[in-house]
Each structure stands twice: as structure tokens, then as C-alpha cells.
């Protein structure tokens, strides 16, 4: 199963429909070095060897931990590998998440990502929106599109967006992808300590209309309801884990969804990759709702 990013552009990217999100490779609270650095490096190598050709990262994971791990494990990068990063946020020493989204901030972040990832151009960058702050969306996206014209960015996406924000973004320029929280159990907006996270269900139909891949994050953290649910029943039927069935549900929910389940466990990575082989029937999907 493949998916194409920016299918109508001059530089489309065709990807296998299961990526890997690197955030969980960091230490506790998405901060600091991994507890097991050799395993973290092996996870990245194994993911790519298993056919994963889309990695999701950000320079504020760690900070800069996942970018450095990716470069150490995989550079020089194999042909066809797409590394997607995020800008628009940063971390304070107290581990809080705060906006970093002025045009100057965004340029600083892009230059930092280029340096730590050892790249001359980033193939896909998500502008993460951090609520209704003082910097208008048009100003943030304007800076992103300017760096795209300069060649520092190939494609621009949006992350953590409401339907209204996506509609506004589409009026400002080509939006290649959307990255929102989305899973079987968490489909609409959820409140987290650092703010609201809009859900994937709120923008999925708009993404489908415009040929925009939807990339779910936190799909395993918030994706598993309590035992005794329909997901657990079908998981038992197919003799797979609920986490695996959650990934399969996302893959069957729409051909425009590109899951990026993350893990700090090599064993769980292998389980997640296997989930792409699970075939759910129309009756299964109707039962899950």
C-alpha cells in the first residue's frame, strides 16, 4: 500500500503507508537522551530495513535528540527515504511546550533542522499550530512558503489544525499534508496539558477532497480503549494486539491516512510493521464503527 504526497505537484513523494514517529525515542517527557541509545539506533535502522520510508521528527524532541539519532543511524540516507520535521514550537527548561512561530523563529528552526539532519533541503515540514497566539496564520505560512521558494523546504504541511484553520491554509498556498491526533478511540478534539489537539475526524473529509494525506499522531497513546470493547474483541479474533488492530483500523479508515506509530521498543516496532498486513473486512469496519 502506498500513498502520494503532493500528487499534483512537480515533485510528488510516493511512500509506503506505514511510517514511524520518532518522538518516543527520547527520554521521559520527550526530553533528553534515550534510556537505551543502541536500541534507539537499531529501531531506526530496522524500520527502514522493514520498508518504512517515512520518518517523522522535530528539533524540539529531546531537544534535537531524534534528529541527531536519525542522522547517526541512517546518514547518508537511502534513496526514497522521506524525513518530515515540524516547526512552530519549542521547549522550555521546565519541559513546557510553547509557540516558536514568528517568521524569524521558523527560519531558525528550519536552519537548525537542516544542520542536525545533515540535509540541504527538507522534503516535508509541518507547521505546528499552537493555538490562537499573536502571530497570524497567514504570517506563519507566508514564512514557510518563502523558505519553500528558496529551496530549503520541498513541501509544506500543517499540524494540529482545526477544520477552519485548514480551510484558511488552503487559501494561502499548497498544503501537502495534515498531521493531527487520530486513532480508533480518539477521533475529535482532546485537551492536553499544553493545549487542545484537534482530531483527525474533523478534517479527514476535507483532506480526501483535496488529495491531502492525513498523518495521525499519538495513535497508540490515546488509541486503546478499556478492555471489553469491540477493538479488543476483533483483536482476539485475528490473534493480534489491540495496538496492531488500531493501526489496521487507521489504514482501512481511508486510503489517504498514513499512520506513524512510534515506540522505543524494537519488539513493538516489529509488531507495528506487521499490523500493515492485517486485512479487515467491510463487516469488521462496520462493527468497529
C-alpha atoms as a PDB file:
ATOM      1  CA  UNK A   1       0.000   0.000   0.000  1.00  0.00           C
ATOM      2  CA  UNK A   2       1.390   3.376  -0.991  1.00  0.00           C
ATOM      3  CA  UNK A   3       0.309   6.985  -0.714  1.00  0.00           C
ATOM      4  CA  UNK A   4       1.473  10.043  -2.641  1.00  0.00           C
ATOM      5  CA  UNK A   5       2.238  13.388  -1.043  1.00  0.00           C
ATOM      6  CA  UNK A   6       1.537  16.404  -3.249  1.00  0.00           C
ATOM      7  CA  UNK A   7       0.302  14.239  -6.144  1.00  0.00           C
ATOM      8  CA  UNK A   8      -0.406  17.261  -8.355  1.00  0.00           C
ATOM      9  CA  UNK A   9       2.929  18.994  -7.784  1.00  0.00           C
ATOM     10  CA  UNK A  10       6.106  18.785  -9.837  1.00  0.00           C
ATOM     11  CA  UNK A  11       7.798  16.866  -7.026  1.00  0.00           C
ATOM     12  CA  UNK A  12       5.412  14.210  -5.650  1.00  0.00           C
ATOM     13  CA  UNK A  13       6.614  11.819  -2.950  1.00  0.00           C
ATOM     14  CA  UNK A  14       5.343   8.226  -3.015  1.00  0.00           C
ATOM     15  CA  UNK A  15       5.516   6.446   0.337  1.00  0.00           C
ATOM     16  CA  UNK A  16       4.653   3.131   1.890  1.00  0.00           C
ATOM     17  CA  UNK A  17       1.539   3.581   4.019  1.00  0.00           C
ATOM     18  CA  UNK A  18       3.144   2.942   7.376  1.00  0.00           C
ATOM     19  CA  UNK A  19       5.642   5.421   8.711  1.00  0.00           C
ATOM     20  CA  UNK A  20       7.469   5.753  12.006  1.00  0.00           C
ATOM     21  CA  UNK A  21       7.176   8.603  14.510  1.00  0.00           C
ATOM     22  CA  UNK A  22      10.438   9.147  16.369  1.00  0.00           C
ATOM     23  CA  UNK A  23       9.172  11.138  19.369  1.00  0.00           C
ATOM     24  CA  UNK A  24       9.238   8.156  21.758  1.00  0.00           C
ATOM     25  CA  UNK A  25      12.955   7.628  21.139  1.00  0.00           C
ATOM     26  CA  UNK A  26      13.728  10.439  23.597  1.00  0.00           C
ATOM     27  CA  UNK A  27      13.905  10.263  27.375  1.00  0.00           C
ATOM     28  CA  UNK A  28      10.972  10.733  29.786  1.00  0.00           C
ATOM     29  CA  UNK A  29       8.546  13.561  28.951  1.00  0.00           C
ATOM     30  CA  UNK A  30      10.021  13.755  25.420  1.00  0.00           C
ATOM     31  CA  UNK A  31      13.190  15.212  26.951  1.00  0.00           C
ATOM     32  CA  UNK A  32      16.813  14.165  26.879  1.00  0.00           C
ATOM     33  CA  UNK A  33      18.620  11.147  25.564  1.00  0.00           C
ATOM     34  CA  UNK A  34      17.009   7.694  25.184  1.00  0.00           C
ATOM     35  CA  UNK A  35      17.352   5.222  28.027  1.00  0.00           C
ATOM     36  CA  UNK A  36      18.791   2.702  25.578  1.00  0.00           C
ATOM     37  CA  UNK A  37      20.680   4.522  22.834  1.00  0.00           C
ATOM     38  CA  UNK A  38      21.867   1.399  20.948  1.00  0.00           C
ATOM     39  CA  UNK A  39      18.261   0.144  20.762  1.00  0.00           C
ATOM     40  CA  UNK A  40      17.052   3.557  19.546  1.00  0.00           C
ATOM     41  CA  UNK A  41      19.571   3.479  16.708  1.00  0.00           C
ATOM     42  CA  UNK A  42      18.648  -0.108  15.883  1.00  0.00           C
ATOM     43  CA  UNK A  43      14.935   0.804  15.792  1.00  0.00           C
ATOM     44  CA  UNK A  44      15.601   3.414  13.115  1.00  0.00           C
ATOM     45  CA  UNK A  45      17.722   1.022  11.050  1.00  0.00           C
ATOM     46  CA  UNK A  46      15.185  -1.799  11.410  1.00  0.00           C
ATOM     47  CA  UNK A  47      12.263   0.438  10.468  1.00  0.00           C
ATOM     48  CA  UNK A  48      13.910   1.432   7.201  1.00  0.00           C
ATOM     49  CA  UNK A  49      15.058  -2.135   6.515  1.00  0.00           C
ATOM     50  CA  UNK A  50      11.436  -3.259   7.025  1.00  0.00           C
ATOM     51  CA  UNK A  51      10.151  -0.951   4.288  1.00  0.00           C
ATOM     52  CA  UNK A  52       9.318   2.165   6.298  1.00  0.00           C
ATOM     53  CA  UNK A  53      10.321   5.141   4.147  1.00  0.00           C
ATOM     54  CA  UNK A  54       8.697   7.975   6.113  1.00  0.00           C
ATOM     55  CA  UNK A  55      10.143   9.228   9.413  1.00  0.00           C
ATOM     56  CA  UNK A  56       8.502  11.950  11.499  1.00  0.00           C
ATOM     57  CA  UNK A  57      10.706  14.079  13.754  1.00  0.00           C
ATOM     58  CA  UNK A  58      11.153  17.594  15.198  1.00  0.00           C
ATOM     59  CA  UNK A  59      14.095  19.559  16.525  1.00  0.00           C
ATOM     60  CA  UNK A  60      12.174  20.139  19.766  1.00  0.00           C
ATOM     61  CA  UNK A  61      12.058  16.399  20.500  1.00  0.00           C
ATOM     62  CA  UNK A  62      14.728  15.981  23.080  1.00  0.00           C
ATOM     63  CA  UNK A  63      15.718  18.733  22.236  1.00  0.00           C
ATOM     64  CA  UNK A  64      17.376  17.811  18.931  1.00  0.00           C
ATOM     65  CA  UNK A  65      17.680  14.216  20.133  1.00  0.00           C
ATOM     66  CA  UNK A  66      15.652  12.467  17.426  1.00  0.00           C
ATOM     67  CA  UNK A  67      17.233  14.469  14.608  1.00  0.00           C
ATOM     68  CA  UNK A  68      20.698  13.516  15.789  1.00  0.00           C
ATOM     69  CA  UNK A  69      19.691   9.870  16.189  1.00  0.00           C
ATOM     70  CA  UNK A  70      18.279   9.766  12.655  1.00  0.00           C
ATOM     71  CA  UNK A  71      21.458  11.246  11.187  1.00  0.00           C
ATOM     72  CA  UNK A  72      23.695   8.913  13.207  1.00  0.00           C
ATOM     73  CA  UNK A  73      21.718   5.804  12.289  1.00  0.00           C
ATOM     74  CA  UNK A  74      20.893   6.452   8.659  1.00  0.00           C
ATOM     75  CA  UNK A  75      23.070   9.148   7.051  1.00  0.00           C
ATOM     76  CA  UNK A  76      23.869   9.046   4.164  1.00  0.00           C
ATOM     77  CA  UNK A  77      20.166   8.481   3.668  1.00  0.00           C
ATOM     78  CA  UNK A  78      18.904   5.737   1.341  1.00  0.00           C
ATOM     79  CA  UNK A  79      17.085   6.739  -1.818  1.00  0.00           C
ATOM     80  CA  UNK A  80      13.356   7.145  -1.294  1.00  0.00           C
ATOM     81  CA  UNK A  81      13.523   7.913   2.439  1.00  0.00           C
ATOM     82  CA  UNK A  82      11.445  10.952   3.400  1.00  0.00           C
ATOM     83  CA  UNK A  83      12.219  12.702   6.681  1.00  0.00           C
ATOM     84  CA  UNK A  84       9.443  15.000   7.844  1.00  0.00           C
ATOM     85  CA  UNK A  85      10.064  17.546  10.586  1.00  0.00           C
ATOM     86  CA  UNK A  86       7.923  20.062  12.480  1.00  0.00           C
ATOM     87  CA  UNK A  87       8.405  23.715  13.381  1.00  0.00           C
ATOM     88  CA  UNK A  88       6.304  26.268  15.237  1.00  0.00           C
ATOM     89  CA  UNK A  89       7.030  25.134  18.791  1.00  0.00           C
ATOM     90  CA  UNK A  90       9.890  24.842  21.241  1.00  0.00           C
ATOM     91  CA  UNK A  91      10.549  23.569  24.761  1.00  0.00           C
ATOM     92  CA  UNK A  92      11.413  25.479  27.911  1.00  0.00           C
ATOM     93  CA  UNK A  93      13.745  24.118  30.588  1.00  0.00           C
ATOM     94  CA  UNK A  94      10.653  23.221  32.641  1.00  0.00           C
ATOM     95  CA  UNK A  95       9.684  20.911  29.723  1.00  0.00           C
ATOM     96  CA  UNK A  96       6.663  23.006  28.759  1.00  0.00           C
ATOM     97  CA  UNK A  97       5.679  23.377  25.092  1.00  0.00           C
ATOM     98  CA  UNK A  98       5.453  26.961  23.824  1.00  0.00           C
ATOM     99  CA  UNK A  99       4.995  28.664  20.444  1.00  0.00           C
ATOM    100  CA  UNK A 100       8.097  29.455  18.393  1.00  0.00           C
ATOM    101  CA  UNK A 101       6.364  30.741  15.321  1.00  0.00           C
ATOM    102  CA  UNK A 102       7.421  34.201  14.243  1.00  0.00           C
ATOM    103  CA  UNK A 103       8.978  34.267  10.768  1.00  0.00           C
ATOM    104  CA  UNK A 104      12.394  34.620  12.436  1.00  0.00           C
ATOM    105  CA  UNK A 105      11.659  31.695  14.783  1.00  0.00           C
ATOM    106  CA  UNK A 106      10.551  29.479  11.910  1.00  0.00           C
ATOM    107  CA  UNK A 107      13.664  30.276   9.878  1.00  0.00           C
ATOM    108  CA  UNK A 108      15.851  29.492  12.901  1.00  0.00           C
ATOM    109  CA  UNK A 109      14.089  26.143  13.309  1.00  0.00           C
ATOM    110  CA  UNK A 110      14.432  25.214   9.640  1.00  0.00           C
ATOM    111  CA  UNK A 111      18.139  26.059   9.632  1.00  0.00           C
ATOM    112  CA  UNK A 112      18.611  24.010  12.803  1.00  0.00           C
ATOM    113  CA  UNK A 113      16.765  21.011  11.288  1.00  0.00           C
ATOM    114  CA  UNK A 114      18.856  21.223   8.118  1.00  0.00           C
ATOM    115  CA  UNK A 115      22.032  21.233  10.192  1.00  0.00           C
ATOM    116  CA  UNK A 116      21.169  18.407  12.583  1.00  0.00           C
ATOM    117  CA  UNK A 117      19.615  16.198   9.894  1.00  0.00           C
ATOM    118  CA  UNK A 118      22.567  16.914   7.577  1.00  0.00           C
ATOM    119  CA  UNK A 119      20.318  17.903   4.700  1.00  0.00           C
ATOM    120  CA  UNK A 120      20.326  20.649   2.105  1.00  0.00           C
ATOM    121  CA  UNK A 121      16.534  20.505   1.739  1.00  0.00           C
ATOM    122  CA  UNK A 122      13.814  19.120   3.982  1.00  0.00           C
ATOM    123  CA  UNK A 123      11.295  17.188   1.914  1.00  0.00           C
ATOM    124  CA  UNK A 124       8.296  17.877   4.147  1.00  0.00           C
ATOM    125  CA  UNK A 125       7.839  20.294   7.039  1.00  0.00           C
ATOM    126  CA  UNK A 126       4.739  20.558   9.192  1.00  0.00           C
ATOM    127  CA  UNK A 127       3.910  23.943  10.656  1.00  0.00           C
ATOM    128  CA  UNK A 128       2.504  23.046  14.072  1.00  0.00           C
ATOM    129  CA  UNK A 129      -0.154  25.476  15.212  1.00  0.00           C
ATOM    130  CA  UNK A 130      -0.110  26.313  18.911  1.00  0.00           C
ATOM    131  CA  UNK A 131      -3.486  27.949  19.443  1.00  0.00           C
ATOM    132  CA  UNK A 132      -4.580  31.485  18.647  1.00  0.00           C
ATOM    133  CA  UNK A 133      -1.422  33.399  19.504  1.00  0.00           C
ATOM    134  CA  UNK A 134      -0.212  36.809  18.367  1.00  0.00           C
ATOM    135  CA  UNK A 135       1.300  35.567  15.082  1.00  0.00           C
ATOM    136  CA  UNK A 136      -1.423  35.218  12.391  1.00  0.00           C
ATOM    137  CA  UNK A 137      -1.603  32.003  10.378  1.00  0.00           C
ATOM    138  CA  UNK A 138      -1.011  33.954   7.170  1.00  0.00           C
ATOM    139  CA  UNK A 139       2.261  35.324   8.567  1.00  0.00           C
ATOM    140  CA  UNK A 140       3.450  31.897   9.697  1.00  0.00           C
ATOM    141  CA  UNK A 141       2.567  30.177   6.430  1.00  0.00           C
ATOM    142  CA  UNK A 142       3.981  33.092   4.469  1.00  0.00           C
ATOM    143  CA  UNK A 143       7.370  32.464   6.045  1.00  0.00           C
ATOM    144  CA  UNK A 144       7.103  28.746   5.258  1.00  0.00           C
ATOM    145  CA  UNK A 145       6.229  29.347   1.616  1.00  0.00           C
ATOM    146  CA  UNK A 146       9.086  31.846   1.328  1.00  0.00           C
ATOM    147  CA  UNK A 147      11.558  29.186   2.514  1.00  0.00           C
ATOM    148  CA  UNK A 148       9.927  26.754   0.085  1.00  0.00           C
ATOM    149  CA  UNK A 149      10.667  29.174  -2.758  1.00  0.00           C
ATOM    150  CA  UNK A 150      14.256  29.443  -1.510  1.00  0.00           C
ATOM    151  CA  UNK A 151      14.611  25.655  -1.762  1.00  0.00           C
ATOM    152  CA  UNK A 152      15.037  24.938   1.944  1.00  0.00           C
ATOM    153  CA  UNK A 153      11.668  23.124   2.042  1.00  0.00           C
ATOM    154  CA  UNK A 154      10.157  20.931  -0.676  1.00  0.00           C
ATOM    155  CA  UNK A 155       6.605  20.587   0.693  1.00  0.00           C
ATOM    156  CA  UNK A 156       4.698  22.408   3.449  1.00  0.00           C
ATOM    157  CA  UNK A 157       2.119  20.743   5.693  1.00  0.00           C
ATOM    158  CA  UNK A 158       0.068  21.739   8.725  1.00  0.00           C
ATOM    159  CA  UNK A 159      -0.157  20.058  12.115  1.00  0.00           C
ATOM    160  CA  UNK A 160      -2.654  20.323  14.968  1.00  0.00           C
ATOM    161  CA  UNK A 161      -5.174  22.190  12.818  1.00  0.00           C
ATOM    162  CA  UNK A 162      -8.886  22.749  13.111  1.00  0.00           C
ATOM    163  CA  UNK A 163     -11.094  22.491  10.067  1.00  0.00           C
ATOM    164  CA  UNK A 164     -11.298  26.284   9.877  1.00  0.00           C
ATOM    165  CA  UNK A 165      -7.522  26.626  10.028  1.00  0.00           C
ATOM    166  CA  UNK A 166      -7.057  24.058   7.273  1.00  0.00           C
ATOM    167  CA  UNK A 167      -9.587  25.849   5.085  1.00  0.00           C
ATOM    168  CA  UNK A 168      -7.740  29.128   5.688  1.00  0.00           C
ATOM    169  CA  UNK A 169      -4.395  27.483   4.942  1.00  0.00           C
ATOM    170  CA  UNK A 170      -5.627  26.126   1.637  1.00  0.00           C
ATOM    171  CA  UNK A 171      -6.464  29.677   0.589  1.00  0.00           C
ATOM    172  CA  UNK A 172      -2.887  30.768   1.272  1.00  0.00           C
ATOM    173  CA  UNK A 173      -0.969  28.133  -0.682  1.00  0.00           C
ATOM    174  CA  UNK A 174      -0.453  24.428  -1.412  1.00  0.00           C
ATOM    175  CA  UNK A 175      -0.831  22.316   1.747  1.00  0.00           C
ATOM    176  CA  UNK A 176       0.796  18.935   1.151  1.00  0.00           C
ATOM    177  CA  UNK A 177      -0.178  17.059   4.329  1.00  0.00           C
ATOM    178  CA  UNK A 178      -2.008  17.369   7.645  1.00  0.00           C
ATOM    179  CA  UNK A 179      -0.776  15.836  10.903  1.00  0.00           C
ATOM    180  CA  UNK A 180      -3.427  15.641  13.642  1.00  0.00           C
ATOM    181  CA  UNK A 181      -4.141  13.424  16.604  1.00  0.00           C
ATOM    182  CA  UNK A 182      -6.271  10.497  15.420  1.00  0.00           C
ATOM    183  CA  UNK A 183      -6.991   6.947  16.480  1.00  0.00           C
ATOM    184  CA  UNK A 184      -9.817   4.458  16.871  1.00  0.00           C
ATOM    185  CA  UNK A 185     -10.730   5.807  20.312  1.00  0.00           C
ATOM    186  CA  UNK A 186      -9.683   9.452  19.927  1.00  0.00           C
ATOM    187  CA  UNK A 187     -11.178  10.974  16.809  1.00  0.00           C
ATOM    188  CA  UNK A 188     -12.095  14.541  17.809  1.00  0.00           C
ATOM    189  CA  UNK A 189     -10.516  17.347  19.828  1.00  0.00           C
ATOM    190  CA  UNK A 190      -8.803  16.370  23.089  1.00  0.00           C
ATOM    191  CA  UNK A 191      -7.495  18.687  25.790  1.00  0.00           C
ATOM    192  CA  UNK A 192      -3.893  18.059  26.829  1.00  0.00           C
ATOM    193  CA  UNK A 193      -1.770  19.929  29.409  1.00  0.00           C
ATOM    194  CA  UNK A 194      -0.157  22.085  26.703  1.00  0.00           C
ATOM    195  CA  UNK A 195      -3.437  22.871  24.898  1.00  0.00           C
ATOM    196  CA  UNK A 196      -6.110  21.433  22.636  1.00  0.00           C
ATOM    197  CA  UNK A 197      -5.298  18.888  19.943  1.00  0.00           C
ATOM    198  CA  UNK A 198      -7.847  18.849  17.086  1.00  0.00           C
ATOM    199  CA  UNK A 199      -8.794  15.371  15.936  1.00  0.00           C
ATOM    200  CA  UNK A 200      -8.326  13.777  12.551  1.00  0.00           C
ATOM    201  CA  UNK A 201     -12.008  13.050  12.028  1.00  0.00           C
ATOM    202  CA  UNK A 202     -12.688  16.799  11.920  1.00  0.00           C
ATOM    203  CA  UNK A 203     -10.536  17.286   8.800  1.00  0.00           C
ATOM    204  CA  UNK A 204     -10.465  13.872   7.107  1.00  0.00           C
ATOM    205  CA  UNK A 205     -13.158  14.574   4.509  1.00  0.00           C
ATOM    206  CA  UNK A 206     -11.501  17.879   3.602  1.00  0.00           C
ATOM    207  CA  UNK A 207      -8.163  16.110   3.191  1.00  0.00           C
ATOM    208  CA  UNK A 208      -9.765  13.491   0.955  1.00  0.00           C
ATOM    209  CA  UNK A 209     -11.411  16.172  -1.201  1.00  0.00           C
ATOM    210  CA  UNK A 210      -8.066  17.880  -1.794  1.00  0.00           C
ATOM    211  CA  UNK A 211      -5.880  14.777  -2.063  1.00  0.00           C
ATOM    212  CA  UNK A 212      -4.019  15.605   1.154  1.00  0.00           C
ATOM    213  CA  UNK A 213      -2.621  12.716   3.216  1.00  0.00           C
ATOM    214  CA  UNK A 214      -3.685  12.755   6.875  1.00  0.00           C
ATOM    215  CA  UNK A 215      -0.890  11.650   9.212  1.00  0.00           C
ATOM    216  CA  UNK A 216      -2.200  10.610  12.661  1.00  0.00           C
ATOM    217  CA  UNK A 217      -0.022  11.184  15.722  1.00  0.00           C
ATOM    218  CA  UNK A 218      -0.474   9.764  19.232  1.00  0.00           C
ATOM    219  CA  UNK A 219      -2.484   6.981  17.587  1.00  0.00           C
ATOM    220  CA  UNK A 220      -1.324   4.396  20.119  1.00  0.00           C
ATOM    221  CA  UNK A 221      -1.170   6.605  23.212  1.00  0.00           C
ATOM    222  CA  UNK A 222      -4.822   7.624  23.031  1.00  0.00           C
ATOM    223  CA  UNK A 223      -5.984   4.890  20.695  1.00  0.00           C
ATOM    224  CA  UNK A 224      -6.686   1.990  23.016  1.00  0.00           C
ATOM    225  CA  UNK A 225      -9.975   1.994  24.933  1.00  0.00           C
ATOM    226  CA  UNK A 226     -10.524  -0.119  28.035  1.00  0.00           C
ATOM    227  CA  UNK A 227     -10.755  -3.898  27.832  1.00  0.00           C
ATOM    228  CA  UNK A 228     -14.022  -5.476  26.799  1.00  0.00           C
ATOM    229  CA  UNK A 229     -14.515  -3.245  23.768  1.00  0.00           C
ATOM    230  CA  UNK A 230     -15.025  -4.003  20.094  1.00  0.00           C
ATOM    231  CA  UNK A 231     -11.380  -3.367  19.271  1.00  0.00           C
ATOM    232  CA  UNK A 232     -10.331  -5.967  21.841  1.00  0.00           C
ATOM    233  CA  UNK A 233     -12.877  -8.461  20.509  1.00  0.00           C
ATOM    234  CA  UNK A 234     -11.615  -8.182  16.931  1.00  0.00           C
ATOM    235  CA  UNK A 235      -8.007  -8.271  18.101  1.00  0.00           C
ATOM    236  CA  UNK A 236      -8.729 -11.588  19.787  1.00  0.00           C
ATOM    237  CA  UNK A 237     -10.448 -12.834  16.630  1.00  0.00           C
ATOM    238  CA  UNK A 238      -7.386 -12.079  14.498  1.00  0.00           C
ATOM    239  CA  UNK A 239      -4.920 -13.023  17.250  1.00  0.00           C
ATOM    240  CA  UNK A 240      -3.201  -9.647  17.197  1.00  0.00           C
ATOM    241  CA  UNK A 241      -2.759  -6.930  19.810  1.00  0.00           C
ATOM    242  CA  UNK A 242      -5.178  -4.039  20.224  1.00  0.00           C
ATOM    243  CA  UNK A 243      -2.342  -1.705  19.217  1.00  0.00           C
ATOM    244  CA  UNK A 244      -1.922  -3.603  15.960  1.00  0.00           C
ATOM    245  CA  UNK A 245      -5.655  -3.530  15.268  1.00  0.00           C
ATOM    246  CA  UNK A 246      -5.737   0.213  15.922  1.00  0.00           C
ATOM    247  CA  UNK A 247      -3.131   0.675  13.196  1.00  0.00           C
ATOM    248  CA  UNK A 248      -5.081  -1.619  10.863  1.00  0.00           C
ATOM    249  CA  UNK A 249      -8.251   0.400  11.531  1.00  0.00           C
ATOM    250  CA  UNK A 250      -6.484   3.611  10.527  1.00  0.00           C
ATOM    251  CA  UNK A 251      -5.163   2.017   7.340  1.00  0.00           C
ATOM    252  CA  UNK A 252      -8.652   0.804   6.416  1.00  0.00           C
ATOM    253  CA  UNK A 253     -10.419   4.004   7.502  1.00  0.00           C
ATOM    254  CA  UNK A 254      -9.224   5.886   4.410  1.00  0.00           C
ATOM    255  CA  UNK A 255      -6.594   5.413   1.676  1.00  0.00           C
ATOM    256  CA  UNK A 256      -5.457   8.960   2.496  1.00  0.00           C
ATOM    257  CA  UNK A 257      -4.273   8.050   6.014  1.00  0.00           C
ATOM    258  CA  UNK A 258      -0.558   7.454   6.700  1.00  0.00           C
ATOM    259  CA  UNK A 259      -0.095   6.178  10.283  1.00  0.00           C
ATOM    260  CA  UNK A 260       3.217   6.872  12.035  1.00  0.00           C
ATOM    261  CA  UNK A 261       3.068   4.767  15.234  1.00  0.00           C
ATOM    262  CA  UNK A 262       6.033   5.440  17.472  1.00  0.00           C
ATOM    263  CA  UNK A 263       7.751   3.233  20.018  1.00  0.00           C
ATOM    264  CA  UNK A 264      11.002   2.949  21.948  1.00  0.00           C
ATOM    265  CA  UNK A 265      10.868  -0.861  21.773  1.00  0.00           C
ATOM    266  CA  UNK A 266      12.341  -2.852  18.910  1.00  0.00           C
ATOM    267  CA  UNK A 267       9.848  -5.664  19.571  1.00  0.00           C
ATOM    268  CA  UNK A 268       6.899  -3.251  19.395  1.00  0.00           C
ATOM    269  CA  UNK A 269       8.269  -1.735  16.192  1.00  0.00           C
ATOM    270  CA  UNK A 270       8.196  -5.161  14.569  1.00  0.00           C
ATOM    271  CA  UNK A 271       4.631  -5.688  15.796  1.00  0.00           C
ATOM    272  CA  UNK A 272       3.575  -2.314  14.377  1.00  0.00           C
ATOM    273  CA  UNK A 273       5.088  -3.111  10.982  1.00  0.00           C
ATOM    274  CA  UNK A 274       3.236  -6.439  10.930  1.00  0.00           C
ATOM    275  CA  UNK A 275      -0.033  -4.590  11.533  1.00  0.00           C
ATOM    276  CA  UNK A 276       0.042  -3.365   7.930  1.00  0.00           C
ATOM    277  CA  UNK A 277      -0.640  -6.967   6.855  1.00  0.00           C
ATOM    278  CA  UNK A 278      -3.936  -7.242   8.771  1.00  0.00           C
ATOM    279  CA  UNK A 279      -6.934  -7.361   6.430  1.00  0.00           C
ATOM    280  CA  UNK A 280     -10.192  -6.056   7.882  1.00  0.00           C
ATOM    281  CA  UNK A 281     -13.439  -6.784   6.056  1.00  0.00           C
ATOM    282  CA  UNK A 282     -16.193  -4.253   5.417  1.00  0.00           C
ATOM    283  CA  UNK A 283     -18.155  -6.049   8.124  1.00  0.00           C
ATOM    284  CA  UNK A 284     -15.256  -5.629  10.553  1.00  0.00           C
ATOM    285  CA  UNK A 285     -15.084  -1.904   9.875  1.00  0.00           C
ATOM    286  CA  UNK A 286     -18.841  -1.533  10.210  1.00  0.00           C
ATOM    287  CA  UNK A 287     -18.712  -3.409  13.524  1.00  0.00           C
ATOM    288  CA  UNK A 288     -15.986  -1.109  14.820  1.00  0.00           C
ATOM    289  CA  UNK A 289     -17.996   1.918  13.735  1.00  0.00           C
END
